[in-house]
Amino acid sequence: MPRFSPIRLALLSGVIATSMGIGYAIGAQPHMGETVAFLQSARKELAEATPNKGGHRERALALIDNAIAEVRAGIAFAGG
């Protein structure tokens, strides 16, 4: 096994730690994940509302479903 000088070892450790941090930053989607949770909560509340809204409630539910799908697609596209 090759021996590394302390400076080389520190540099290698730094490179590995940095690459791991970059990988986490790219893969982690905390705001997108929170958005899905928020939209799901909003959908639940809207679904529990009385249905006599001239079809607007149903259209809003469909739009929320589309928004959830789009956010999830964005997370998947980013590798999260």
PDB file of N, CA and C in Angstrom:
ATOM      1  N   MET A   1       0.848  -1.172   0.000  1.00  0.00           N
ATOM      2  CA  MET A   1       0.000   0.000   0.000  1.00  0.00           C
ATOM      3  C   MET A   1       0.896   1.239   0.000  1.00  0.00           C
ATOM      4  N   PRO A   2       0.627   2.199  -0.917  1.00  0.00           N
ATOM      5  CA  PRO A   2       1.476   3.379  -0.979  1.00  0.00           C
ATOM      6  C   PRO A   2       1.281   4.262   0.249  1.00  0.00           C
ATOM      7  N   ARG A   3       2.354   4.914   0.617  1.00  0.00           N
ATOM      8  CA  ARG A   3       2.287   5.831   1.766  1.00  0.00           C
ATOM      9  C   ARG A   3       2.101   7.249   1.249  1.00  0.00           C
ATOM     10  N   PHE A   4       1.242   7.979   1.889  1.00  0.00           N
ATOM     11  CA  PHE A   4       0.992   9.367   1.510  1.00  0.00           C
ATOM     12  C   PHE A   4       1.572  10.288   2.558  1.00  0.00           C
ATOM     13  N   SER A   5       2.115  11.392   2.105  1.00  0.00           N
ATOM     14  CA  SER A   5       2.610  12.397   3.041  1.00  0.00           C
ATOM     15  C   SER A   5       1.401  13.031   3.735  1.00  0.00           C
ATOM     16  N   PRO A   6       1.577  13.617   4.906  1.00  0.00           N
ATOM     17  CA  PRO A   6       0.452  14.251   5.605  1.00  0.00           C
ATOM     18  C   PRO A   6      -0.232  15.320   4.756  1.00  0.00           C
ATOM     19  N   ILE A   7       0.524  16.041   3.967  1.00  0.00           N
ATOM     20  CA  ILE A   7      -0.069  17.084   3.126  1.00  0.00           C
ATOM     21  C   ILE A   7      -0.928  16.449   2.034  1.00  0.00           C
ATOM     22  N   ARG A   8      -0.403  15.409   1.402  1.00  0.00           N
ATOM     23  CA  ARG A   8      -1.171  14.705   0.367  1.00  0.00           C
ATOM     24  C   ARG A   8      -2.430  14.066   0.952  1.00  0.00           C
ATOM     25  N   LEU A   9      -2.310  13.494   2.117  1.00  0.00           N
ATOM     26  CA  LEU A   9      -3.444  12.858   2.777  1.00  0.00           C
ATOM     27  C   LEU A   9      -4.509  13.899   3.108  1.00  0.00           C
ATOM     28  N   ALA A  10      -4.100  15.054   3.607  1.00  0.00           N
ATOM     29  CA  ALA A  10      -5.048  16.124   3.918  1.00  0.00           C
ATOM     30  C   ALA A  10      -5.730  16.619   2.651  1.00  0.00           C
ATOM     31  N   LEU A  11      -4.963  16.773   1.578  1.00  0.00           N
ATOM     32  CA  LEU A  11      -5.527  17.220   0.309  1.00  0.00           C
ATOM     33  C   LEU A  11      -6.531  16.206  -0.234  1.00  0.00           C
ATOM     34  N   LEU A  12      -6.171  14.939  -0.194  1.00  0.00           N
ATOM     35  CA  LEU A  12      -7.058  13.881  -0.666  1.00  0.00           C
ATOM     36  C   LEU A  12      -8.337  13.847   0.173  1.00  0.00           C
ATOM     37  N   SER A  13      -8.201  13.973   1.469  1.00  0.00           N
ATOM     38  CA  SER A  13      -9.370  13.995   2.354  1.00  0.00           C
ATOM     39  C   SER A  13     -10.269  15.172   2.024  1.00  0.00           C
ATOM     40  N   GLY A  14      -9.667  16.318   1.754  1.00  0.00           N
ATOM     41  CA  GLY A  14     -10.447  17.501   1.402  1.00  0.00           C
ATOM     42  C   GLY A  14     -11.210  17.327   0.107  1.00  0.00           C
ATOM     43  N   VAL A  15     -10.545  16.723  -0.871  1.00  0.00           N
ATOM     44  CA  VAL A  15     -11.200  16.483  -2.163  1.00  0.00           C
ATOM     45  C   VAL A  15     -12.375  15.524  -1.990  1.00  0.00           C
ATOM     46  N   ILE A  16     -12.193  14.479  -1.228  1.00  0.00           N
ATOM     47  CA  ILE A  16     -13.270  13.502  -1.002  1.00  0.00           C
ATOM     48  C   ILE A  16     -14.432  14.164  -0.270  1.00  0.00           C
ATOM     49  N   ALA A  17     -14.137  14.926   0.768  1.00  0.00           N
ATOM     50  CA  ALA A  17     -15.199  15.593   1.534  1.00  0.00           C
ATOM     51  C   ALA A  17     -15.953  16.595   0.667  1.00  0.00           C
ATOM     52  N   THR A  18     -15.231  17.339  -0.153  1.00  0.00           N
ATOM     53  CA  THR A  18     -15.874  18.315  -1.032  1.00  0.00           C
ATOM     54  C   THR A  18     -16.779  17.629  -2.040  1.00  0.00           C
ATOM     55  N   SER A  19     -16.300  16.544  -2.644  1.00  0.00           N
ATOM     56  CA  SER A  19     -17.122  15.849  -3.630  1.00  0.00           C
ATOM     57  C   SER A  19     -18.368  15.250  -2.994  1.00  0.00           C
ATOM     58  N   MET A  20     -18.245  14.777  -1.772  1.00  0.00           N
ATOM     59  CA  MET A  20     -19.421  14.246  -1.078  1.00  0.00           C
ATOM     60  C   MET A  20     -20.411  15.367  -0.798  1.00  0.00           C
ATOM     61  N   GLY A  21     -19.906  16.534  -0.401  1.00  0.00           N
ATOM     62  CA  GLY A  21     -20.773  17.682  -0.141  1.00  0.00           C
ATOM     63  C   GLY A  21     -21.492  18.143  -1.391  1.00  0.00           C
ATOM     64  N   ILE A  22     -20.780  18.171  -2.506  1.00  0.00           N
ATOM     65  CA  ILE A  22     -21.398  18.568  -3.768  1.00  0.00           C
ATOM     66  C   ILE A  22     -22.462  17.551  -4.171  1.00  0.00           C
ATOM     67  N   GLY A  23     -22.172  16.281  -4.009  1.00  0.00           N
ATOM     68  CA  GLY A  23     -23.157  15.240  -4.327  1.00  0.00           C
ATOM     69  C   GLY A  23     -24.404  15.376  -3.486  1.00  0.00           C
ATOM     70  N   TYR A  24     -24.251  15.691  -2.208  1.00  0.00           N
ATOM     71  CA  TYR A  24     -25.415  15.883  -1.343  1.00  0.00           C
ATOM     72  C   TYR A  24     -26.200  17.104  -1.786  1.00  0.00           C
ATOM     73  N   ALA A  25     -25.496  18.187  -2.084  1.00  0.00           N
ATOM     74  CA  ALA A  25     -26.177  19.421  -2.475  1.00  0.00           C
ATOM     75  C   ALA A  25     -26.968  19.232  -3.754  1.00  0.00           C
ATOM     76  N   ILE A  26     -26.438  18.466  -4.684  1.00  0.00           N
ATOM     77  CA  ILE A  26     -27.139  18.227  -5.943  1.00  0.00           C
ATOM     78  C   ILE A  26     -28.330  17.293  -5.721  1.00  0.00           C
ATOM     79  N   GLY A  27     -28.144  16.242  -4.931  1.00  0.00           N
ATOM     80  CA  GLY A  27     -29.198  15.251  -4.737  1.00  0.00           C
ATOM     81  C   GLY A  27     -30.281  15.682  -3.763  1.00  0.00           C
ATOM     82  N   ALA A  28     -29.934  16.484  -2.764  1.00  0.00           N
ATOM     83  CA  ALA A  28     -30.905  16.896  -1.754  1.00  0.00           C
ATOM     84  C   ALA A  28     -31.840  17.939  -2.343  1.00  0.00           C
ATOM     85  N   GLN A  29     -33.090  17.795  -2.079  1.00  0.00           N
ATOM     86  CA  GLN A  29     -34.095  18.733  -2.581  1.00  0.00           C
ATOM     87  C   GLN A  29     -35.013  19.157  -1.438  1.00  0.00           C
ATOM     88  N   PRO A  30     -34.467  19.787  -0.376  1.00  0.00           N
ATOM     89  CA  PRO A  30     -35.310  20.078   0.786  1.00  0.00           C
ATOM     90  C   PRO A  30     -36.481  21.013   0.479  1.00  0.00           C
ATOM     91  N   HIS A  31     -36.272  22.019  -0.353  1.00  0.00           N
ATOM     92  CA  HIS A  31     -37.363  22.944  -0.653  1.00  0.00           C
ATOM     93  C   HIS A  31     -38.423  22.285  -1.526  1.00  0.00           C
ATOM     94  N   MET A  32     -37.970  21.465  -2.451  1.00  0.00           N
ATOM     95  CA  MET A  32     -38.921  20.765  -3.311  1.00  0.00           C
ATOM     96  C   MET A  32     -39.733  19.754  -2.496  1.00  0.00           C
ATOM     97  N   GLY A  33     -39.059  19.063  -1.587  1.00  0.00           N
ATOM     98  CA  GLY A  33     -39.758  18.107  -0.729  1.00  0.00           C
ATOM     99  C   GLY A  33     -40.787  18.794   0.152  1.00  0.00           C
ATOM    100  N   GLU A  34     -40.415  19.942   0.700  1.00  0.00           N
ATOM    101  CA  GLU A  34     -41.354  20.707   1.528  1.00  0.00           C
ATOM    102  C   GLU A  34     -42.532  21.194   0.691  1.00  0.00           C
ATOM    103  N   THR A  35     -42.267  21.526  -0.555  1.00  0.00           N
ATOM    104  CA  THR A  35     -43.338  21.981  -1.445  1.00  0.00           C
ATOM    105  C   THR A  35     -44.352  20.863  -1.668  1.00  0.00           C
ATOM    106  N   VAL A  36     -43.873  19.642  -1.879  1.00  0.00           N
ATOM    107  CA  VAL A  36     -44.793  18.514  -2.045  1.00  0.00           C
ATOM    108  C   VAL A  36     -45.650  18.359  -0.790  1.00  0.00           C
ATOM    109  N   ALA A  37     -45.030  18.419   0.374  1.00  0.00           N
ATOM    110  CA  ALA A  37     -45.782  18.276   1.630  1.00  0.00           C
ATOM    111  C   ALA A  37     -46.813  19.391   1.779  1.00  0.00           C
ATOM    112  N   PHE A  38     -46.419  20.615   1.433  1.00  0.00           N
ATOM    113  CA  PHE A  38     -47.340  21.744   1.513  1.00  0.00           C
ATOM    114  C   PHE A  38     -48.519  21.560   0.562  1.00  0.00           C
ATOM    115  N   LEU A  39     -48.234  21.155  -0.669  1.00  0.00           N
ATOM    116  CA  LEU A  39     -49.299  20.944  -1.650  1.00  0.00           C
ATOM    117  C   LEU A  39     -50.235  19.812  -1.222  1.00  0.00           C
ATOM    118  N   GLN A  40     -49.677  18.750  -0.650  1.00  0.00           N
ATOM    119  CA  GLN A  40     -50.518  17.646  -0.181  1.00  0.00           C
ATOM    120  C   GLN A  40     -51.426  18.109   0.951  1.00  0.00           C
ATOM    121  N   SER A  41     -50.905  18.946   1.831  1.00  0.00           N
ATOM    122  CA  SER A  41     -51.710  19.488   2.922  1.00  0.00           C
ATOM    123  C   SER A  41     -52.818  20.385   2.377  1.00  0.00           C
ATOM    124  N   ALA A  42     -52.476  21.230   1.414  1.00  0.00           N
ATOM    125  CA  ALA A  42     -53.477  22.103   0.803  1.00  0.00           C
ATOM    126  C   ALA A  42     -54.548  21.284   0.096  1.00  0.00           C
ATOM    127  N   ARG A  43     -54.131  20.213  -0.575  1.00  0.00           N
ATOM    128  CA  ARG A  43     -55.090  19.363  -1.267  1.00  0.00           C
ATOM    129  C   ARG A  43     -56.061  18.717  -0.292  1.00  0.00           C
ATOM    130  N   LYS A  44     -55.519  18.259   0.836  1.00  0.00           N
ATOM    131  CA  LYS A  44     -56.365  17.625   1.862  1.00  0.00           C
ATOM    132  C   LYS A  44     -57.413  18.611   2.371  1.00  0.00           C
ATOM    133  N   GLU A  45     -56.996  19.834   2.649  1.00  0.00           N
ATOM    134  CA  GLU A  45     -57.934  20.848   3.126  1.00  0.00           C
ATOM    135  C   GLU A  45     -58.989  21.158   2.076  1.00  0.00           C
ATOM    136  N   LEU A  46     -58.576  21.309   0.843  1.00  0.00           N
ATOM    137  CA  LEU A  46     -59.500  21.626  -0.242  1.00  0.00           C
ATOM    138  C   LEU A  46     -60.475  20.476  -0.475  1.00  0.00           C
ATOM    139  N   ALA A  47     -59.986  19.248  -0.374  1.00  0.00           N
ATOM    140  CA  ALA A  47     -60.853  18.083  -0.570  1.00  0.00           C
ATOM    141  C   ALA A  47     -61.937  18.008   0.502  1.00  0.00           C
ATOM    142  N   GLU A  48     -61.629  18.526   1.687  1.00  0.00           N
ATOM    143  CA  GLU A  48     -62.603  18.498   2.784  1.00  0.00           C
ATOM    144  C   GLU A  48     -63.596  19.657   2.741  1.00  0.00           C
ATOM    145  N   ALA A  49     -63.365  20.625   1.854  1.00  0.00           N
ATOM    146  CA  ALA A  49     -64.286  21.757   1.718  1.00  0.00           C
ATOM    147  C   ALA A  49     -65.584  21.299   1.066  1.00  0.00           C
ATOM    148  N   THR A  50     -66.637  22.041   1.315  1.00  0.00           N
ATOM    149  CA  THR A  50     -67.915  21.694   0.690  1.00  0.00           C
ATOM    150  C   THR A  50     -67.796  21.844  -0.830  1.00  0.00           C
ATOM    151  N   PRO A  51     -68.446  20.937  -1.577  1.00  0.00           N
ATOM    152  CA  PRO A  51     -68.241  20.894  -3.027  1.00  0.00           C
ATOM    153  C   PRO A  51     -69.047  21.904  -3.839  1.00  0.00           C
ATOM    154  N   ASN A  52     -69.805  22.783  -3.214  1.00  0.00           N
ATOM    155  CA  ASN A  52     -70.670  23.682  -3.988  1.00  0.00           C
ATOM    156  C   ASN A  52     -69.924  24.975  -4.361  1.00  0.00           C
ATOM    157  N   LYS A  53     -68.948  24.847  -5.238  1.00  0.00           N
ATOM    158  CA  LYS A  53     -68.115  25.986  -5.626  1.00  0.00           C
ATOM    159  C   LYS A  53     -68.124  26.210  -7.133  1.00  0.00           C
ATOM    160  N   GLY A  54     -69.134  25.727  -7.820  1.00  0.00           N
ATOM    161  CA  GLY A  54     -69.254  25.948  -9.258  1.00  0.00           C
ATOM    162  C   GLY A  54     -68.179  25.254 -10.070  1.00  0.00           C
ATOM    163  N   GLY A  55     -67.644  24.162  -9.558  1.00  0.00           N
ATOM    164  CA  GLY A  55     -66.623  23.411 -10.267  1.00  0.00           C
ATOM    165  C   GLY A  55     -65.204  23.919 -10.024  1.00  0.00           C
ATOM    166  N   HIS A  56     -65.080  25.065  -9.349  1.00  0.00           N
ATOM    167  CA  HIS A  56     -63.752  25.636  -9.096  1.00  0.00           C
ATOM    168  C   HIS A  56     -62.936  24.790  -8.116  1.00  0.00           C
ATOM    169  N   ARG A  57     -63.595  24.226  -7.128  1.00  0.00           N
ATOM    170  CA  ARG A  57     -62.898  23.358  -6.163  1.00  0.00           C
ATOM    171  C   ARG A  57     -62.302  22.153  -6.874  1.00  0.00           C
ATOM    172  N   GLU A  58     -63.074  21.532  -7.755  1.00  0.00           N
ATOM    173  CA  GLU A  58     -62.601  20.356  -8.481  1.00  0.00           C
ATOM    174  C   GLU A  58     -61.438  20.712  -9.406  1.00  0.00           C
ATOM    175  N   ARG A  59     -61.531  21.878 -10.075  1.00  0.00           N
ATOM    176  CA  ARG A  59     -60.432  22.301 -10.942  1.00  0.00           C
ATOM    177  C   ARG A  59     -59.181  22.613 -10.119  1.00  0.00           C
ATOM    178  N   ALA A  60     -59.385  23.203  -8.945  1.00  0.00           N
ATOM    179  CA  ALA A  60     -58.249  23.503  -8.066  1.00  0.00           C
ATOM    180  C   ALA A  60     -57.586  22.207  -7.595  1.00  0.00           C
ATOM    181  N   LEU A  61     -58.387  21.202  -7.289  1.00  0.00           N
ATOM    182  CA  LEU A  61     -57.828  19.904  -6.895  1.00  0.00           C
ATOM    183  C   LEU A  61     -56.985  19.317  -8.033  1.00  0.00           C
ATOM    184  N   ALA A  62     -57.491  19.415  -9.245  1.00  0.00           N
ATOM    185  CA  ALA A  62     -56.742  18.901 -10.399  1.00  0.00           C
ATOM    186  C   ALA A  62     -55.442  19.685 -10.600  1.00  0.00           C
ATOM    187  N   LEU A  63     -55.489  20.995 -10.410  1.00  0.00           N
ATOM    188  CA  LEU A  63     -54.280  21.807 -10.551  1.00  0.00           C
ATOM    189  C   LEU A  63     -53.246  21.461  -9.479  1.00  0.00           C
ATOM    190  N   ILE A  64     -53.719  21.210  -8.266  1.00  0.00           N
ATOM    191  CA  ILE A  64     -52.797  20.805  -7.194  1.00  0.00           C
ATOM    192  C   ILE A  64     -52.181  19.452  -7.532  1.00  0.00           C
ATOM    193  N   ASP A  65     -52.988  18.527  -8.037  1.00  0.00           N
ATOM    194  CA  ASP A  65     -52.448  17.219  -8.440  1.00  0.00           C
ATOM    195  C   ASP A  65     -51.364  17.393  -9.508  1.00  0.00           C
ATOM    196  N   ASN A  66     -51.626  18.281 -10.476  1.00  0.00           N
ATOM    197  CA  ASN A  66     -50.633  18.549 -11.524  1.00  0.00           C
ATOM    198  C   ASN A  66     -49.373  19.171 -10.927  1.00  0.00           C
ATOM    199  N   ALA A  67     -49.548  20.104  -9.988  1.00  0.00           N
ATOM    200  CA  ALA A  67     -48.396  20.749  -9.359  1.00  0.00           C
ATOM    201  C   ALA A  67     -47.549  19.731  -8.600  1.00  0.00           C
ATOM    202  N   ILE A  68     -48.193  18.839  -7.867  1.00  0.00           N
ATOM    203  CA  ILE A  68     -47.470  17.794  -7.138  1.00  0.00           C
ATOM    204  C   ILE A  68     -46.670  16.934  -8.123  1.00  0.00           C
ATOM    205  N   ALA A  69     -47.306  16.556  -9.224  1.00  0.00           N
ATOM    206  CA  ALA A  69     -46.622  15.734 -10.230  1.00  0.00           C
ATOM    207  C   ALA A  69     -45.430  16.472 -10.819  1.00  0.00           C
ATOM    208  N   GLU A  70     -45.578  17.766 -11.088  1.00  0.00           N
ATOM    209  CA  GLU A  70     -44.483  18.551 -11.664  1.00  0.00           C
ATOM    210  C   GLU A  70     -43.322  18.697 -10.680  1.00  0.00           C
ATOM    211  N   VAL A  71     -43.623  18.942  -9.416  1.00  0.00           N
ATOM    212  CA  VAL A  71     -42.562  19.066  -8.411  1.00  0.00           C
ATOM    213  C   VAL A  71     -41.820  17.735  -8.270  1.00  0.00           C
ATOM    214  N   ARG A  72     -42.571  16.640  -8.228  1.00  0.00           N
ATOM    215  CA  ARG A  72     -41.920  15.325  -8.149  1.00  0.00           C
ATOM    216  C   ARG A  72     -41.065  15.038  -9.381  1.00  0.00           C
ATOM    217  N   ALA A  73     -41.540  15.468 -10.549  1.00  0.00           N
ATOM    218  CA  ALA A  73     -40.764  15.282 -11.771  1.00  0.00           C
ATOM    219  C   ALA A  73     -39.477  16.112 -11.702  1.00  0.00           C
ATOM    220  N   GLY A  74     -39.578  17.308 -11.128  1.00  0.00           N
ATOM    221  CA  GLY A  74     -38.373  18.129 -10.965  1.00  0.00           C
ATOM    222  C   GLY A  74     -37.372  17.501 -10.022  1.00  0.00           C
ATOM    223  N   ILE A  75     -37.868  16.914  -8.953  1.00  0.00           N
ATOM    224  CA  ILE A  75     -36.983  16.213  -8.000  1.00  0.00           C
ATOM    225  C   ILE A  75     -36.310  15.041  -8.703  1.00  0.00           C
ATOM    226  N   ALA A  76     -37.088  14.269  -9.450  1.00  0.00           N
ATOM    227  CA  ALA A  76     -36.524  13.125 -10.159  1.00  0.00           C
ATOM    228  C   ALA A  76     -35.496  13.566 -11.199  1.00  0.00           C
ATOM    229  N   PHE A  77     -35.788  14.665 -11.905  1.00  0.00           N
ATOM    230  CA  PHE A  77     -34.866  15.166 -12.921  1.00  0.00           C
ATOM    231  C   PHE A  77     -33.527  15.570 -12.304  1.00  0.00           C
ATOM    232  N   ALA A  78     -33.594  16.163 -11.102  1.00  0.00           N
ATOM    233  CA  ALA A  78     -32.381  16.612 -10.416  1.00  0.00           C
ATOM    234  C   ALA A  78     -31.652  15.458  -9.744  1.00  0.00           C
ATOM    235  N   GLY A  79     -32.200  14.268  -9.836  1.00  0.00           N
ATOM    236  CA  GLY A  79     -31.526  13.110  -9.261  1.00  0.00           C
ATOM    237  C   GLY A  79     -31.844  12.882  -7.806  1.00  0.00           C
ATOM    238  N   GLY A  80     -32.901  13.509  -7.315  1.00  0.00           N
ATOM    239  CA  GLY A  80     -33.257  13.341  -5.900  1.00  0.00           C
ATOM    240  C   GLY A  80     -34.286  12.318  -5.784  1.00  0.00           C
TER     241      GLY A  80
END
